[in-house]
Amino acid sequence: MRGKLPAAFGLAVALVAASAGCHHDKHGLMFKPKEEVVLPADEARFNNPPTAQYKKRPAKSADDKALLGRQMGGPGGGMGGPGF
């Protein structure tokens, strides 16, 4: 029984490896889709896109208390301690 189990396992592995091996389409039967260029419709939303008036960011001041710019906790680390 002990000799049959590894042999059966080895045979199963060999069959899986053989079936999952390289597959070549030697007769060129696989479907090859052709690339097709599709232009957008002739509509105003595509021809004349809207132009938004964007505002510039305000200048950052030295006394800005945003969470992303300040260090939490005392010297040596934040809430988790040093290294966190």
PDB file of N, CA and C in Angstrom:
ATOM      1  N   MET A   1       0.824  -1.192   0.000  1.00  0.00           N
ATOM      2  CA  MET A   1       0.000   0.000   0.000  1.00  0.00           C
ATOM      3  C   MET A   1       0.864   1.250   0.000  1.00  0.00           C
ATOM      4  N   ARG A   2       1.978   1.190   0.748  1.00  0.00           N
ATOM      5  CA  ARG A   2       2.826   2.371   0.832  1.00  0.00           C
ATOM      6  C   ARG A   2       3.520   2.659  -0.489  1.00  0.00           C
ATOM      7  N   GLY A   3       3.779   1.666  -1.286  1.00  0.00           N
ATOM      8  CA  GLY A   3       4.435   1.889  -2.567  1.00  0.00           C
ATOM      9  C   GLY A   3       3.464   2.352  -3.637  1.00  0.00           C
ATOM     10  N   LYS A   4       2.205   2.002  -3.486  1.00  0.00           N
ATOM     11  CA  LYS A   4       1.213   2.367  -4.499  1.00  0.00           C
ATOM     12  C   LYS A   4       0.788   3.831  -4.389  1.00  0.00           C
ATOM     13  N   LEU A   5       0.730   4.336  -3.190  1.00  0.00           N
ATOM     14  CA  LEU A   5       0.275   5.710  -2.983  1.00  0.00           C
ATOM     15  C   LEU A   5       1.225   6.730  -3.627  1.00  0.00           C
ATOM     16  N   PRO A   6       2.546   6.658  -3.373  1.00  0.00           N
ATOM     17  CA  PRO A   6       3.439   7.622  -4.049  1.00  0.00           C
ATOM     18  C   PRO A   6       3.455   7.420  -5.566  1.00  0.00           C
ATOM     19  N   ALA A   7       3.322   6.196  -6.019  1.00  0.00           N
ATOM     20  CA  ALA A   7       3.311   5.951  -7.460  1.00  0.00           C
ATOM     21  C   ALA A   7       2.055   6.552  -8.093  1.00  0.00           C
ATOM     22  N   ALA A   8       0.917   6.431  -7.438  1.00  0.00           N
ATOM     23  CA  ALA A   8      -0.324   6.994  -7.950  1.00  0.00           C
ATOM     24  C   ALA A   8      -0.248   8.529  -7.937  1.00  0.00           C
ATOM     25  N   PHE A   9       0.346   9.056  -6.891  1.00  0.00           N
ATOM     26  CA  PHE A   9       0.501  10.504  -6.808  1.00  0.00           C
ATOM     27  C   PHE A   9       1.424  11.010  -7.911  1.00  0.00           C
ATOM     28  N   GLY A  10       2.525  10.326  -8.126  1.00  0.00           N
ATOM     29  CA  GLY A  10       3.459  10.703  -9.180  1.00  0.00           C
ATOM     30  C   GLY A  10       2.827  10.624 -10.558  1.00  0.00           C
ATOM     31  N   LEU A  11       2.018   9.592 -10.786  1.00  0.00           N
ATOM     32  CA  LEU A  11       1.322   9.450 -12.057  1.00  0.00           C
ATOM     33  C   LEU A  11       0.318  10.587 -12.252  1.00  0.00           C
ATOM     34  N   ALA A  12      -0.389  10.942 -11.200  1.00  0.00           N
ATOM     35  CA  ALA A  12      -1.358  12.037 -11.284  1.00  0.00           C
ATOM     36  C   ALA A  12      -0.649  13.362 -11.588  1.00  0.00           C
ATOM     37  N   VAL A  13       0.481  13.599 -10.941  1.00  0.00           N
ATOM     38  CA  VAL A  13       1.240  14.824 -11.191  1.00  0.00           C
ATOM     39  C   VAL A  13       1.747  14.855 -12.621  1.00  0.00           C
ATOM     40  N   ALA A  14       2.210  13.729 -13.130  1.00  0.00           N
ATOM     41  CA  ALA A  14       2.706  13.656 -14.501  1.00  0.00           C
ATOM     42  C   ALA A  14       1.583  13.910 -15.506  1.00  0.00           C
ATOM     43  N   LEU A  15       0.398  13.385 -15.254  1.00  0.00           N
ATOM     44  CA  LEU A  15      -0.730  13.611 -16.152  1.00  0.00           C
ATOM     45  C   LEU A  15      -1.174  15.079 -16.158  1.00  0.00           C
ATOM     46  N   VAL A  16      -1.199  15.677 -14.993  1.00  0.00           N
ATOM     47  CA  VAL A  16      -1.572  17.089 -14.906  1.00  0.00           C
ATOM     48  C   VAL A  16      -0.535  17.949 -15.615  1.00  0.00           C
ATOM     49  N   ALA A  17       0.744  17.639 -15.429  1.00  0.00           N
ATOM     50  CA  ALA A  17       1.798  18.412 -16.078  1.00  0.00           C
ATOM     51  C   ALA A  17       1.752  18.242 -17.595  1.00  0.00           C
ATOM     52  N   ALA A  18       1.433  17.049 -18.058  1.00  0.00           N
ATOM     53  CA  ALA A  18       1.357  16.802 -19.500  1.00  0.00           C
ATOM     54  C   ALA A  18       0.159  17.516 -20.122  1.00  0.00           C
ATOM     55  N   SER A  19      -0.968  17.533 -19.409  1.00  0.00           N
ATOM     56  CA  SER A  19      -2.152  18.175 -19.970  1.00  0.00           C
ATOM     57  C   SER A  19      -2.070  19.701 -19.871  1.00  0.00           C
ATOM     58  N   ALA A  20      -1.321  20.209 -18.907  1.00  0.00           N
ATOM     59  CA  ALA A  20      -1.195  21.656 -18.738  1.00  0.00           C
ATOM     60  C   ALA A  20       0.058  22.190 -19.407  1.00  0.00           C
ATOM     61  N   GLY A  21       0.698  21.407 -20.205  1.00  0.00           N
ATOM     62  CA  GLY A  21       1.933  21.816 -20.869  1.00  0.00           C
ATOM     63  C   GLY A  21       1.675  22.857 -21.941  1.00  0.00           C
ATOM     64  N   CYS A  22       2.643  23.073 -22.784  1.00  0.00           N
ATOM     65  CA  CYS A  22       2.551  24.087 -23.831  1.00  0.00           C
ATOM     66  C   CYS A  22       1.538  23.670 -24.892  1.00  0.00           C
ATOM     67  N   HIS A  23       0.706  24.601 -25.271  1.00  0.00           N
ATOM     68  CA  HIS A  23      -0.290  24.344 -26.316  1.00  0.00           C
ATOM     69  C   HIS A  23       0.065  25.202 -27.519  1.00  0.00           C
ATOM     70  N   HIS A  24       0.237  24.576 -28.666  1.00  0.00           N
ATOM     71  CA  HIS A  24       0.570  25.293 -29.890  1.00  0.00           C
ATOM     72  C   HIS A  24      -0.539  25.075 -30.897  1.00  0.00           C
ATOM     73  N   ASP A  25      -0.947  26.161 -31.523  1.00  0.00           N
ATOM     74  CA  ASP A  25      -1.957  26.092 -32.571  1.00  0.00           C
ATOM     75  C   ASP A  25      -1.221  25.951 -33.897  1.00  0.00           C
ATOM     76  N   LYS A  26      -0.813  24.725 -34.221  1.00  0.00           N
ATOM     77  CA  LYS A  26       0.040  24.542 -35.386  1.00  0.00           C
ATOM     78  C   LYS A  26      -0.703  24.668 -36.710  1.00  0.00           C
ATOM     79  N   HIS A  27      -2.031  24.611 -36.701  1.00  0.00           N
ATOM     80  CA  HIS A  27      -2.788  24.750 -37.932  1.00  0.00           C
ATOM     81  C   HIS A  27      -3.451  26.119 -38.059  1.00  0.00           C
ATOM     82  N   GLY A  28      -3.254  26.993 -37.087  1.00  0.00           N
ATOM     83  CA  GLY A  28      -3.802  28.352 -37.156  1.00  0.00           C
ATOM     84  C   GLY A  28      -5.315  28.389 -37.084  1.00  0.00           C
ATOM     85  N   LEU A  29      -5.915  27.574 -36.229  1.00  0.00           N
ATOM     86  CA  LEU A  29      -7.369  27.499 -36.139  1.00  0.00           C
ATOM     87  C   LEU A  29      -7.964  28.449 -35.106  1.00  0.00           C
ATOM     88  N   MET A  30      -7.119  29.023 -34.260  1.00  0.00           N
ATOM     89  CA  MET A  30      -7.657  29.884 -33.206  1.00  0.00           C
ATOM     90  C   MET A  30      -8.179  31.182 -33.803  1.00  0.00           C
ATOM     91  N   PHE A  31      -9.225  31.734 -33.202  1.00  0.00           N
ATOM     92  CA  PHE A  31      -9.860  32.979 -33.658  1.00  0.00           C
ATOM     93  C   PHE A  31      -8.945  34.162 -33.362  1.00  0.00           C
ATOM     94  N   LYS A  32      -8.681  34.976 -34.357  1.00  0.00           N
ATOM     95  CA  LYS A  32      -7.862  36.173 -34.192  1.00  0.00           C
ATOM     96  C   LYS A  32      -8.729  37.384 -34.514  1.00  0.00           C
ATOM     97  N   PRO A  33      -9.172  38.108 -33.500  1.00  0.00           N
ATOM     98  CA  PRO A  33     -10.036  39.266 -33.771  1.00  0.00           C
ATOM     99  C   PRO A  33      -9.252  40.373 -34.472  1.00  0.00           C
ATOM    100  N   LYS A  34      -9.907  41.052 -35.395  1.00  0.00           N
ATOM    101  CA  LYS A  34      -9.288  42.160 -36.112  1.00  0.00           C
ATOM    102  C   LYS A  34      -9.528  43.443 -35.331  1.00  0.00           C
ATOM    103  N   GLU A  35      -8.503  44.270 -35.253  1.00  0.00           N
ATOM    104  CA  GLU A  35      -8.656  45.543 -34.559  1.00  0.00           C
ATOM    105  C   GLU A  35      -9.477  46.485 -35.432  1.00  0.00           C
ATOM    106  N   GLU A  36     -10.386  47.179 -34.796  1.00  0.00           N
ATOM    107  CA  GLU A  36     -11.279  48.068 -35.518  1.00  0.00           C
ATOM    108  C   GLU A  36     -11.289  49.429 -34.837  1.00  0.00           C
ATOM    109  N   VAL A  37     -11.067  50.466 -35.608  1.00  0.00           N
ATOM    110  CA  VAL A  37     -11.062  51.824 -35.075  1.00  0.00           C
ATOM    111  C   VAL A  37     -12.485  52.355 -35.101  1.00  0.00           C
ATOM    112  N   VAL A  38     -12.948  52.827 -33.952  1.00  0.00           N
ATOM    113  CA  VAL A  38     -14.292  53.376 -33.848  1.00  0.00           C
ATOM    114  C   VAL A  38     -14.168  54.842 -33.469  1.00  0.00           C
ATOM    115  N   LEU A  39     -14.587  55.715 -34.365  1.00  0.00           N
ATOM    116  CA  LEU A  39     -14.542  57.146 -34.086  1.00  0.00           C
ATOM    117  C   LEU A  39     -15.794  57.573 -33.333  1.00  0.00           C
ATOM    118  N   PRO A  40     -15.671  58.581 -32.466  1.00  0.00           N
ATOM    119  CA  PRO A  40     -16.859  59.041 -31.749  1.00  0.00           C
ATOM    120  C   PRO A  40     -17.854  59.690 -32.707  1.00  0.00           C
ATOM    121  N   ALA A  41     -19.089  59.733 -32.276  1.00  0.00           N
ATOM    122  CA  ALA A  41     -20.151  60.317 -33.099  1.00  0.00           C
ATOM    123  C   ALA A  41     -19.905  61.806 -33.314  1.00  0.00           C
ATOM    124  N   ASP A  42     -20.474  62.337 -34.365  1.00  0.00           N
ATOM    125  CA  ASP A  42     -20.316  63.751 -34.691  1.00  0.00           C
ATOM    126  C   ASP A  42     -21.348  64.552 -33.894  1.00  0.00           C
ATOM    127  N   GLU A  43     -21.061  64.711 -32.608  1.00  0.00           N
ATOM    128  CA  GLU A  43     -21.958  65.431 -31.708  1.00  0.00           C
ATOM    129  C   GLU A  43     -21.186  66.556 -31.029  1.00  0.00           C
ATOM    130  N   ALA A  44     -21.924  67.519 -30.523  1.00  0.00           N
ATOM    131  CA  ALA A  44     -21.302  68.681 -29.887  1.00  0.00           C
ATOM    132  C   ALA A  44     -20.555  68.293 -28.612  1.00  0.00           C
ATOM    133  N   ARG A  45     -21.031  67.289 -27.908  1.00  0.00           N
ATOM    134  CA  ARG A  45     -20.375  66.913 -26.655  1.00  0.00           C
ATOM    135  C   ARG A  45     -18.991  66.327 -26.906  1.00  0.00           C
ATOM    136  N   PHE A  46     -18.765  65.768 -28.106  1.00  0.00           N
ATOM    137  CA  PHE A  46     -17.443  65.264 -28.444  1.00  0.00           C
ATOM    138  C   PHE A  46     -16.608  66.314 -29.179  1.00  0.00           C
ATOM    139  N   ASN A  47     -17.238  67.111 -30.013  1.00  0.00           N
ATOM    140  CA  ASN A  47     -16.504  68.102 -30.802  1.00  0.00           C
ATOM    141  C   ASN A  47     -16.098  69.313 -29.973  1.00  0.00           C
ATOM    142  N   ASN A  48     -16.933  69.743 -29.051  1.00  0.00           N
ATOM    143  CA  ASN A  48     -16.662  70.923 -28.226  1.00  0.00           C
ATOM    144  C   ASN A  48     -16.799  70.552 -26.748  1.00  0.00           C
ATOM    145  N   PRO A  49     -15.782  69.951 -26.156  1.00  0.00           N
ATOM    146  CA  PRO A  49     -15.904  69.580 -24.743  1.00  0.00           C
ATOM    147  C   PRO A  49     -15.974  70.826 -23.867  1.00  0.00           C
ATOM    148  N   PRO A  50     -16.625  70.732 -22.715  1.00  0.00           N
ATOM    149  CA  PRO A  50     -16.744  71.910 -21.846  1.00  0.00           C
ATOM    150  C   PRO A  50     -15.385  72.291 -21.266  1.00  0.00           C
ATOM    151  N   THR A  51     -15.187  73.563 -21.072  1.00  0.00           N
ATOM    152  CA  THR A  51     -13.957  74.059 -20.454  1.00  0.00           C
ATOM    153  C   THR A  51     -14.327  74.600 -19.086  1.00  0.00           C
ATOM    154  N   ALA A  52     -13.804  73.985 -18.062  1.00  0.00           N
ATOM    155  CA  ALA A  52     -14.111  74.398 -16.688  1.00  0.00           C
ATOM    156  C   ALA A  52     -13.093  75.433 -16.232  1.00  0.00           C
ATOM    157  N   GLN A  53     -13.555  76.359 -15.435  1.00  0.00           N
ATOM    158  CA  GLN A  53     -12.684  77.370 -14.857  1.00  0.00           C
ATOM    159  C   GLN A  53     -12.228  76.854 -13.498  1.00  0.00           C
ATOM    160  N   TYR A  54     -11.015  76.383 -13.433  1.00  0.00           N
ATOM    161  CA  TYR A  54     -10.500  75.812 -12.193  1.00  0.00           C
ATOM    162  C   TYR A  54      -9.818  76.883 -11.362  1.00  0.00           C
ATOM    163  N   LYS A  55      -9.985  76.755 -10.051  1.00  0.00           N
ATOM    164  CA  LYS A  55      -9.352  77.691  -9.132  1.00  0.00           C
ATOM    165  C   LYS A  55      -7.998  77.136  -8.716  1.00  0.00           C
ATOM    166  N   LYS A  56      -7.057  78.028  -8.521  1.00  0.00           N
ATOM    167  CA  LYS A  56      -5.751  77.619  -8.015  1.00  0.00           C
ATOM    168  C   LYS A  56      -5.874  77.317  -6.531  1.00  0.00           C
ATOM    169  N   ARG A  57      -4.997  76.447  -6.053  1.00  0.00           N
ATOM    170  CA  ARG A  57      -4.980  76.151  -4.623  1.00  0.00           C
ATOM    171  C   ARG A  57      -4.527  77.375  -3.844  1.00  0.00           C
ATOM    172  N   PRO A  58      -5.104  77.573  -2.670  1.00  0.00           N
ATOM    173  CA  PRO A  58      -4.635  78.706  -1.864  1.00  0.00           C
ATOM    174  C   PRO A  58      -3.217  78.443  -1.361  1.00  0.00           C
ATOM    175  N   ALA A  59      -2.484  79.500  -1.167  1.00  0.00           N
ATOM    176  CA  ALA A  59      -1.112  79.367  -0.679  1.00  0.00           C
ATOM    177  C   ALA A  59      -1.125  78.766   0.726  1.00  0.00           C
ATOM    178  N   LYS A  60      -0.189  77.865   0.988  1.00  0.00           N
ATOM    179  CA  LYS A  60      -0.121  77.211   2.288  1.00  0.00           C
ATOM    180  C   LYS A  60       0.571  78.137   3.285  1.00  0.00           C
ATOM    181  N   SER A  61      -0.085  78.359   4.405  1.00  0.00           N
ATOM    182  CA  SER A  61       0.482  79.255   5.405  1.00  0.00           C
ATOM    183  C   SER A  61       1.310  78.458   6.412  1.00  0.00           C
ATOM    184  N   ALA A  62       2.140  79.145   7.156  1.00  0.00           N
ATOM    185  CA  ALA A  62       3.026  78.498   8.116  1.00  0.00           C
ATOM    186  C   ALA A  62       2.247  77.953   9.317  1.00  0.00           C
ATOM    187  N   ASP A  63       1.105  78.548   9.651  1.00  0.00           N
ATOM    188  CA  ASP A  63       0.343  78.107  10.819  1.00  0.00           C
ATOM    189  C   ASP A  63      -0.805  77.176  10.434  1.00  0.00           C
ATOM    190  N   ASP A  64      -0.683  76.483   9.311  1.00  0.00           N
ATOM    191  CA  ASP A  64      -1.724  75.550   8.856  1.00  0.00           C
ATOM    192  C   ASP A  64      -1.729  74.319   9.761  1.00  0.00           C
ATOM    193  N   LYS A  65      -2.868  73.973  10.309  1.00  0.00           N
ATOM    194  CA  LYS A  65      -2.978  72.869  11.266  1.00  0.00           C
ATOM    195  C   LYS A  65      -3.643  71.639  10.643  1.00  0.00           C
ATOM    196  N   ALA A  66      -3.421  71.395   9.373  1.00  0.00           N
ATOM    197  CA  ALA A  66      -4.026  70.239   8.712  1.00  0.00           C
ATOM    198  C   ALA A  66      -3.420  68.951   9.262  1.00  0.00           C
ATOM    199  N   LEU A  67      -4.198  67.886   9.268  1.00  0.00           N
ATOM    200  CA  LEU A  67      -3.730  66.616   9.802  1.00  0.00           C
ATOM    201  C   LEU A  67      -2.602  66.006   8.972  1.00  0.00           C
ATOM    202  N   LEU A  68      -2.582  66.271   7.693  1.00  0.00           N
ATOM    203  CA  LEU A  68      -1.551  65.672   6.856  1.00  0.00           C
ATOM    204  C   LEU A  68      -0.185  66.313   7.060  1.00  0.00           C
ATOM    205  N   GLY A  69      -0.142  67.511   7.560  1.00  0.00           N
ATOM    206  CA  GLY A  69       1.126  68.198   7.659  1.00  0.00           C
ATOM    207  C   GLY A  69       1.745  68.220   9.043  1.00  0.00           C
ATOM    208  N   ARG A  70       1.016  67.840  10.066  1.00  0.00           N
ATOM    209  CA  ARG A  70       1.593  67.956  11.394  1.00  0.00           C
ATOM    210  C   ARG A  70       1.936  66.589  11.974  1.00  0.00           C
ATOM    211  N   GLN A  71       2.803  66.584  12.928  1.00  0.00           N
ATOM    212  CA  GLN A  71       3.213  65.355  13.583  1.00  0.00           C
ATOM    213  C   GLN A  71       2.390  65.192  14.856  1.00  0.00           C
ATOM    214  N   MET A  72       1.806  64.021  15.020  1.00  0.00           N
ATOM    215  CA  MET A  72       0.982  63.778  16.208  1.00  0.00           C
ATOM    216  C   MET A  72       1.857  63.232  17.318  1.00  0.00           C
ATOM    217  N   GLY A  73       1.538  63.566  18.513  1.00  0.00           N
ATOM    218  CA  GLY A  73       2.292  63.063  19.661  1.00  0.00           C
ATOM    219  C   GLY A  73       3.488  63.942  19.973  1.00  0.00           C
ATOM    220  N   GLY A  74       4.281  63.470  20.895  1.00  0.00           N
ATOM    221  CA  GLY A  74       5.461  64.219  21.292  1.00  0.00           C
ATOM    222  C   GLY A  74       6.653  63.823  20.451  1.00  0.00           C
ATOM    223  N   PRO A  75       7.835  64.155  20.927  1.00  0.00           N
ATOM    224  CA  PRO A  75       9.020  63.801  20.175  1.00  0.00           C
ATOM    225  C   PRO A  75       9.226  62.277  20.162  1.00  0.00           C
ATOM    226  N   GLY A  76       9.618  61.764  19.041  1.00  0.00           N
ATOM    227  CA  GLY A  76       9.905  60.329  18.962  1.00  0.00           C
ATOM    228  C   GLY A  76       8.762  59.504  18.412  1.00  0.00           C
ATOM    229  N   GLY A  77       7.654  60.094  18.039  1.00  0.00           N
ATOM    230  CA  GLY A  77       6.612  59.266  17.449  1.00  0.00           C
ATOM    231  C   GLY A  77       5.228  59.792  17.693  1.00  0.00           C
ATOM    232  N   GLY A  78       4.305  59.105  17.120  1.00  0.00           N
ATOM    233  CA  GLY A  78       2.913  59.515  17.219  1.00  0.00           C
ATOM    234  C   GLY A  78       2.169  58.651  18.201  1.00  0.00           C
ATOM    235  N   MET A  79       0.983  58.299  17.845  1.00  0.00           N
ATOM    236  CA  MET A  79       0.109  57.556  18.733  1.00  0.00           C
ATOM    237  C   MET A  79       0.641  56.140  19.010  1.00  0.00           C
ATOM    238  N   GLY A  80       1.268  55.539  18.002  1.00  0.00           N
ATOM    239  CA  GLY A  80       1.747  54.168  18.161  1.00  0.00           C
ATOM    240  C   GLY A  80       3.118  54.067  18.762  1.00  0.00           C
ATOM    241  N   GLY A  81       3.781  55.178  18.967  1.00  0.00           N
ATOM    242  CA  GLY A  81       5.120  55.146  19.493  1.00  0.00           C
ATOM    243  C   GLY A  81       6.138  55.206  18.367  1.00  0.00           C
ATOM    244  N   PRO A  82       7.394  55.053  18.716  1.00  0.00           N
ATOM    245  CA  PRO A  82       8.435  55.166  17.683  1.00  0.00           C
ATOM    246  C   PRO A  82       8.351  53.997  16.693  1.00  0.00           C
ATOM    247  N   GLY A  83       8.521  54.311  15.433  1.00  0.00           N
ATOM    248  CA  GLY A  83       8.540  53.277  14.416  1.00  0.00           C
ATOM    249  C   GLY A  83       7.194  52.967  13.796  1.00  0.00           C
ATOM    250  N   PHE A  84       6.143  53.593  14.263  1.00  0.00           N
ATOM    251  CA  PHE A  84       4.809  53.284  13.698  1.00  0.00           C
ATOM    252  C   PHE A  84       4.284  54.441  12.937  1.00  0.00           C
TER     253      PHE A  84
END
